[in-house]
């Protein structure tokens, strides 16, 4: 008997693939759940071993009328209607998983996920990194050079899906998501800038991620093309002298091509005063007045704390 991981369990399996993601995404896809069930005890443990699924309960999808005997630590997802073509990926022997497009919709249907959560996860799936689930990971994520999906692929999936419950929230979130983020902190920065003011974002339009600078072999982490302004995420304030020197020379080339660049350290996002200074500087570059009342500042602080946790 096969099993089919879905919801957050499918996301965890994808994250555990790490550098193997390119090979995983090239495997033939399926849309058939026949033969997938929920085996008992040892058989289920054997199938889950090596998938990278860490969160309990594990989420498994079965066809309507398939084997769905209750098992401790398992949430059953009955599929009453056909799956969109190619929405399942084989991640191991006897193990299928919802692909990134379907899994995102399933996560979006959960009561514990809202616009911010779905947009942050979509940025990850449309970026070139996946979170590292190893608790001993020093970096916290793995760069794999490819994206699990893209905004365009997600939109096509939404057009072909058969009434996925999370589809409306995914569609809304994609309005604030851009392809090509290289790290979780680039994603945090982009969301703080781009999310609507109703959830604490700055509502800035026209963001692009890791934009190539014409005529240079350089990229800007978060670019605002209309203003020729860019933000470069530097990390925490403990870079080596050599790394800082490389970053400075890189920035000199970008500035020399006519862009205005703001360096952003982790402390600029975590500290209330420093974040306010950063936002004021950005709005001055944009030639706009930054207006924020007390109610908005509370929403903004809550958003920052959520994204930086």
Protein backbone atom coordinates (compact mmCIF):
# COMPACT_ATOMS: atom_id res chain seq x y z
CA UNK A 1 0.00 0.00 0.00
CA UNK A 2 1.27 3.47 -0.93
CA UNK A 3 0.77 6.62 1.08
CA UNK A 4 0.26 10.17 -0.15
CA UNK A 5 1.58 12.99 1.99
CA UNK A 6 -0.39 16.22 1.82
CA UNK A 7 -0.85 19.59 3.53
CA UNK A 8 2.07 20.60 5.79
CA UNK A 9 3.49 17.05 5.67
CA UNK A 10 4.04 17.41 1.91
CA UNK A 11 5.80 20.75 2.50
CA UNK A 12 8.07 19.12 5.09
CA UNK A 13 8.95 16.32 2.68
CA UNK A 14 9.84 18.94 0.06
CA UNK A 15 12.01 20.85 2.53
CA UNK A 16 13.84 17.70 3.55
CA UNK A 17 14.83 17.13 -0.09
CA UNK A 18 17.17 20.13 0.18
CA UNK A 19 19.76 20.02 -2.58
CA UNK A 20 17.93 17.07 -4.18
CA UNK A 21 14.94 19.24 -5.08
CA UNK A 22 15.93 19.62 -8.78
CA UNK A 23 15.96 15.84 -9.22
CA UNK A 24 12.71 15.50 -7.29
CA UNK A 25 10.91 18.01 -9.49
CA UNK A 26 12.02 16.21 -12.66
CA UNK A 27 10.31 12.96 -11.68
CA UNK A 28 7.10 12.01 -13.48
CA UNK A 29 4.00 13.41 -11.84
CA UNK A 30 0.67 11.76 -11.24
CA UNK A 31 -2.90 12.63 -10.35
CA UNK A 32 -4.00 9.17 -9.27
CA UNK A 33 -4.66 8.28 -5.63
CA UNK A 34 -5.67 4.68 -6.32
CA UNK A 35 -3.70 2.34 -4.11
CA UNK A 36 -3.00 5.03 -1.52
CA UNK A 37 -4.24 4.35 1.98
CA UNK A 38 -3.23 4.51 5.60
CA UNK A 39 -1.31 1.39 6.60
CA UNK A 40 -0.84 0.40 10.17
CA UNK A 41 1.93 0.72 12.72
CA UNK A 42 5.30 -0.51 11.50
CA UNK A 43 4.44 -0.32 7.79
CA UNK A 44 3.50 3.34 8.09
CA UNK A 45 6.64 4.12 10.11
CA UNK A 46 8.79 2.40 7.49
CA UNK A 47 7.20 4.43 4.69
CA UNK A 48 7.62 7.70 6.58
CA UNK A 49 11.26 7.02 7.43
CA UNK A 50 13.48 9.22 5.32
CA UNK A 51 10.69 11.48 4.09
CA UNK A 52 11.70 14.27 6.47
CA UNK A 53 8.21 14.60 7.93
CA UNK A 54 8.68 15.79 11.51
CA UNK A 55 5.40 17.36 12.55
CA UNK A 56 2.76 15.23 14.22
CA UNK A 57 0.11 14.44 13.22
CA UNK A 58 1.11 13.41 9.71
CA UNK A 59 -1.32 14.41 6.97
CA UNK A 60 -2.24 11.70 4.45
CA UNK A 61 -4.56 11.92 1.45
CA UNK A 62 -6.73 9.07 0.22
CA UNK A 63 -9.29 8.64 -2.53
CA UNK A 64 -12.91 8.76 -1.51
CA UNK A 65 -13.83 5.23 -0.55
CA UNK A 66 -10.19 4.17 -0.14
CA UNK A 67 -8.62 2.57 2.90
CA UNK A 68 -9.01 5.11 5.70
CA UNK A 69 -8.86 3.15 8.93
CA UNK A 70 -8.16 5.45 11.87
CA UNK A 71 -4.56 5.58 13.00
CA UNK A 72 -3.13 7.52 15.93
CA UNK A 73 -1.05 10.49 14.83
CA UNK A 74 -2.62 10.64 11.34
CA UNK A 75 -5.01 13.19 9.84
CA UNK A 76 -6.97 11.74 6.91
CA UNK A 77 -7.81 13.91 3.91
CA UNK A 78 -10.48 12.28 1.75
CA UNK A 79 -10.40 13.38 -1.88
CA UNK A 80 -13.92 13.41 -3.24
CA UNK A 81 -13.11 14.88 -6.67
CA UNK A 82 -10.38 14.40 -9.24
CA UNK A 83 -6.97 15.91 -8.70
CA UNK A 84 -5.60 18.43 -11.21
CA UNK A 85 -3.27 16.79 -13.69
CA UNK A 86 0.27 16.26 -12.41
CA UNK A 87 -0.46 17.48 -8.90
CA UNK A 88 1.30 14.58 -7.13
CA UNK A 89 5.05 13.92 -6.93
CA UNK A 90 6.67 10.58 -6.04
CA UNK A 91 9.15 11.35 -3.25
CA UNK A 92 10.15 7.78 -2.42
CA UNK A 93 9.30 4.13 -2.77
CA UNK A 94 5.67 3.76 -1.82
CA UNK A 95 5.36 7.47 -1.04
CA UNK A 96 3.59 10.15 -3.07
CA UNK A 97 3.23 13.76 -1.99
CA UNK A 98 1.10 16.69 -3.01
CA UNK A 99 3.17 18.91 -5.31
CA UNK A 100 4.02 22.45 -4.19
CA UNK A 101 0.97 23.97 -5.88
CA UNK A 102 -1.56 21.59 -4.33
CA UNK A 103 0.18 21.55 -0.94
CA UNK A 104 0.10 25.36 -0.75
CA UNK A 105 -3.66 25.35 -1.37
CA UNK A 106 -4.12 22.70 1.31
CA UNK A 107 -2.10 24.67 3.85
CA UNK A 108 -4.04 27.82 2.94
CA UNK A 109 -7.27 26.02 3.84
CA UNK A 110 -6.13 25.51 7.43
CA UNK A 111 -7.68 27.60 10.17
CA UNK A 112 -4.26 28.46 11.58
CA UNK A 113 -2.96 30.11 8.37
CA UNK A 114 -3.82 33.58 7.10
CA UNK A 115 -2.66 35.92 4.31
CA UNK A 116 0.74 36.55 5.92
CA UNK A 117 1.47 32.85 6.50
CA UNK A 118 0.46 31.85 2.98
CA UNK A 119 2.42 34.69 1.34
CA UNK A 120 5.54 33.80 3.32
CA UNK A 121 5.27 30.12 2.35
CA UNK A 122 4.58 31.04 -1.29
CA UNK A 123 7.73 33.20 -1.32
CA UNK A 124 9.71 30.17 -0.12
CA UNK A 125 8.24 27.86 -2.76
CA UNK A 126 8.81 30.47 -5.49
CA UNK A 127 12.33 31.23 -4.27
CA UNK A 128 15.63 29.39 -4.49
CA UNK A 129 15.72 28.27 -0.86
CA UNK A 130 13.88 25.86 1.39
CA UNK A 131 13.82 26.00 5.19
CA UNK A 132 16.15 23.50 6.85
CA UNK A 133 14.24 21.37 9.33
CA UNK A 134 17.39 20.12 11.04
CA UNK A 135 17.29 21.71 14.53
CA UNK A 136 21.10 21.83 14.50
CA UNK A 137 21.29 23.75 11.22
CA UNK A 138 23.46 26.85 11.63
CA UNK A 139 22.00 28.61 8.60
CA UNK A 140 18.35 27.63 8.85
CA UNK A 141 17.79 27.12 5.13
CA UNK A 142 19.23 25.40 2.06
CA UNK A 143 19.83 27.12 -1.28
CA UNK A 144 19.16 24.71 -4.14
CA UNK A 145 19.42 26.92 -7.23
CA UNK A 146 15.88 26.16 -8.40
CA UNK A 147 12.38 27.09 -7.32
CA UNK A 148 9.84 24.49 -6.28
CA UNK A 149 7.27 26.45 -8.27
CA UNK A 150 6.58 29.98 -9.49
CA UNK A 151 3.85 32.58 -9.29
CA UNK A 152 2.85 31.78 -12.90
CA UNK A 153 2.65 28.02 -12.20
CA UNK A 154 0.59 28.62 -9.08
CA UNK A 155 -1.84 30.80 -11.01
CA UNK A 156 -2.17 28.15 -13.73
CA UNK A 157 -2.83 25.54 -11.06
CA UNK A 158 -5.55 27.69 -9.55
CA UNK A 159 -7.19 27.93 -12.97
CA UNK A 160 -7.21 24.15 -13.38
CA UNK A 161 -8.00 23.14 -9.80
CA UNK A 162 -11.35 21.70 -8.86
CA UNK A 163 -12.58 23.88 -6.04
CA UNK A 164 -9.58 23.73 -3.70
CA UNK A 165 -10.72 25.26 -0.42
CA UNK A 166 -7.54 27.30 0.02
CA UNK A 167 -7.49 28.64 -3.56
CA UNK A 168 -9.05 32.07 -2.82
CA UNK A 169 -6.50 32.83 -0.11
CA UNK A 170 -3.62 31.63 -2.31
CA UNK A 171 -4.82 33.82 -5.17
CA UNK A 172 -4.98 36.83 -2.84
CA UNK A 173 -1.54 36.12 -1.38
CA UNK A 174 0.06 35.80 -4.83
CA UNK A 175 -0.70 39.46 -5.42
CA UNK A 176 2.08 40.20 -2.93
CA UNK A 177 4.54 37.43 -3.90
CA UNK A 178 7.46 37.68 -6.34
CA UNK A 179 9.69 34.95 -7.76
CA UNK A 180 13.36 34.67 -6.95
CA UNK A 181 13.92 35.29 -3.25
CA UNK A 182 17.28 33.80 -2.21
CA UNK A 183 16.73 33.62 1.56
CA UNK A 184 14.09 33.79 4.30
CA UNK A 185 15.28 37.26 5.31
CA UNK A 186 14.98 38.61 1.77
CA UNK A 187 11.42 37.31 1.93
CA UNK A 188 10.81 39.06 5.27
CA UNK A 189 12.10 42.34 3.85
CA UNK A 190 9.94 42.04 0.72
CA UNK A 191 6.82 41.23 2.74
CA UNK A 192 7.35 44.15 5.12
CA UNK A 193 7.51 46.42 2.09
CA UNK A 194 4.87 44.86 -0.11
CA UNK A 195 2.07 43.52 2.08
CA UNK A 196 -0.98 45.78 2.41
CA UNK A 197 -1.22 48.31 5.21
CA UNK A 198 -4.26 46.44 6.55
CA UNK A 199 -1.90 43.75 7.89
CA UNK A 200 1.02 46.06 8.74
CA UNK A 201 2.92 46.14 5.44
CA UNK A 202 3.92 49.33 3.65
CA UNK A 203 1.86 48.57 0.55
CA UNK A 204 4.70 49.43 -1.86
CA UNK A 205 4.08 48.28 -5.44
CA UNK A 206 6.53 47.20 -8.13
CA UNK A 207 8.88 45.07 -6.03
CA UNK A 208 11.18 42.59 -7.77
CA UNK A 209 13.59 40.10 -6.24
CA UNK A 210 17.26 39.69 -7.15
CA UNK A 211 16.95 41.91 -10.16
CA UNK A 212 19.84 41.93 -12.63
CA UNK A 213 21.46 45.33 -13.12
CA UNK A 214 21.78 46.03 -16.84
CA UNK A 215 25.38 45.93 -18.02
CA UNK A 216 26.67 44.39 -14.78
CA UNK A 217 26.94 40.86 -13.47
CA UNK A 218 25.18 42.04 -10.32
CA UNK A 219 21.79 41.62 -8.67
CA UNK A 220 19.80 43.72 -6.22
CA UNK A 221 18.13 41.76 -3.41
CA UNK A 222 14.91 43.79 -3.36
CA UNK A 223 14.49 46.32 -6.18
CA UNK A 224 11.99 49.10 -6.79
CA UNK A 225 12.43 49.63 -10.52
CA UNK A 226 10.21 52.71 -10.75
CA UNK A 227 12.44 54.61 -8.32
CA UNK A 228 15.78 52.99 -9.24
CA UNK A 229 16.03 52.12 -5.56
CA UNK A 230 17.22 48.87 -4.06
CA UNK A 231 17.62 47.26 -0.66
CA UNK A 232 20.49 44.90 0.10
CA UNK A 233 20.06 42.56 3.05
CA UNK A 234 23.38 42.29 4.88
CA UNK A 235 22.46 39.92 7.71
CA UNK A 236 23.50 40.37 11.31
CA UNK A 237 26.29 42.77 12.23
CA UNK A 238 29.10 40.25 12.40
CA UNK A 239 30.33 39.95 8.82
CA UNK A 240 34.06 39.54 8.33
CA UNK A 241 36.12 42.42 6.98
CA UNK A 242 36.70 40.47 3.75
CA UNK A 243 33.00 39.80 3.23
CA UNK A 244 32.08 43.41 3.99
CA UNK A 245 34.71 44.60 1.51
CA UNK A 246 33.28 42.37 -1.25
CA UNK A 247 29.78 43.63 -0.50
CA UNK A 248 30.93 47.27 -0.58
CA UNK A 249 32.66 46.87 -3.95
CA UNK A 250 29.58 45.15 -5.34
CA UNK A 251 27.42 47.99 -4.12
CA UNK A 252 29.78 50.58 -5.62
CA UNK A 253 29.23 49.05 -9.06
CA UNK A 254 25.45 49.12 -8.63
CA UNK A 255 25.40 52.71 -7.37
CA UNK A 256 27.66 53.71 -10.26
CA UNK A 257 24.98 52.49 -12.66
CA UNK A 258 22.46 54.98 -11.28
CA UNK A 259 20.74 53.05 -8.49
CA UNK A 260 20.27 54.24 -4.91
CA UNK A 261 20.99 51.41 -2.48
CA UNK A 262 20.00 51.05 1.16
CA UNK A 263 21.87 48.49 3.24
CA UNK A 264 19.60 46.58 5.62
CA UNK A 265 20.94 44.71 8.63
CA UNK A 266 18.91 42.33 10.76
CA UNK A 267 18.90 44.93 13.51
CA UNK A 268 17.20 47.41 11.15
CA UNK A 269 14.20 45.07 10.97
CA UNK A 270 14.15 43.93 14.60
CA UNK A 271 14.62 47.30 16.32
CA UNK A 272 11.65 49.69 16.33
CA UNK A 273 13.69 52.88 15.99
CA UNK A 274 16.06 51.53 13.34
CA UNK A 275 13.15 50.19 11.30
CA UNK A 276 11.49 53.61 11.42
CA UNK A 277 14.72 55.23 10.19
CA UNK A 278 14.95 52.70 7.35
CA UNK A 279 11.36 53.34 6.24
CA UNK A 280 11.84 57.13 6.38
CA UNK A 281 14.97 56.83 4.24
CA UNK A 282 13.22 54.65 1.67
CA UNK A 283 10.23 56.97 1.35
CA UNK A 284 12.55 59.96 0.88
CA UNK A 285 14.23 58.13 -2.01
CA UNK A 286 10.78 57.45 -3.46
CA UNK A 287 9.80 61.09 -3.08
CA UNK A 288 6.81 60.14 -0.96
CA UNK A 289 5.63 61.14 2.47
CA UNK A 290 5.45 58.35 5.04
CA UNK A 291 2.24 58.59 7.06
CA UNK A 292 1.67 56.25 9.99
CA UNK A 293 -0.83 56.60 12.82
CA UNK A 294 -0.67 54.69 16.10
CA UNK A 295 -3.06 51.94 14.96
CA UNK A 296 -0.97 51.25 11.85
CA UNK A 297 2.26 51.21 13.87
CA UNK A 298 0.79 48.53 16.13
CA UNK A 299 -0.12 46.40 13.09
CA UNK A 300 3.34 46.98 11.66
CA UNK A 301 5.07 45.88 14.85
CA UNK A 302 2.93 42.75 15.07
CA UNK A 303 3.82 41.90 11.45
CA UNK A 304 7.53 42.40 12.07
CA UNK A 305 7.45 40.16 15.14
CA UNK A 306 5.58 37.45 13.22
CA UNK A 307 7.93 37.46 10.25
CA UNK A 308 11.10 37.61 12.34
CA UNK A 309 10.20 34.89 14.83
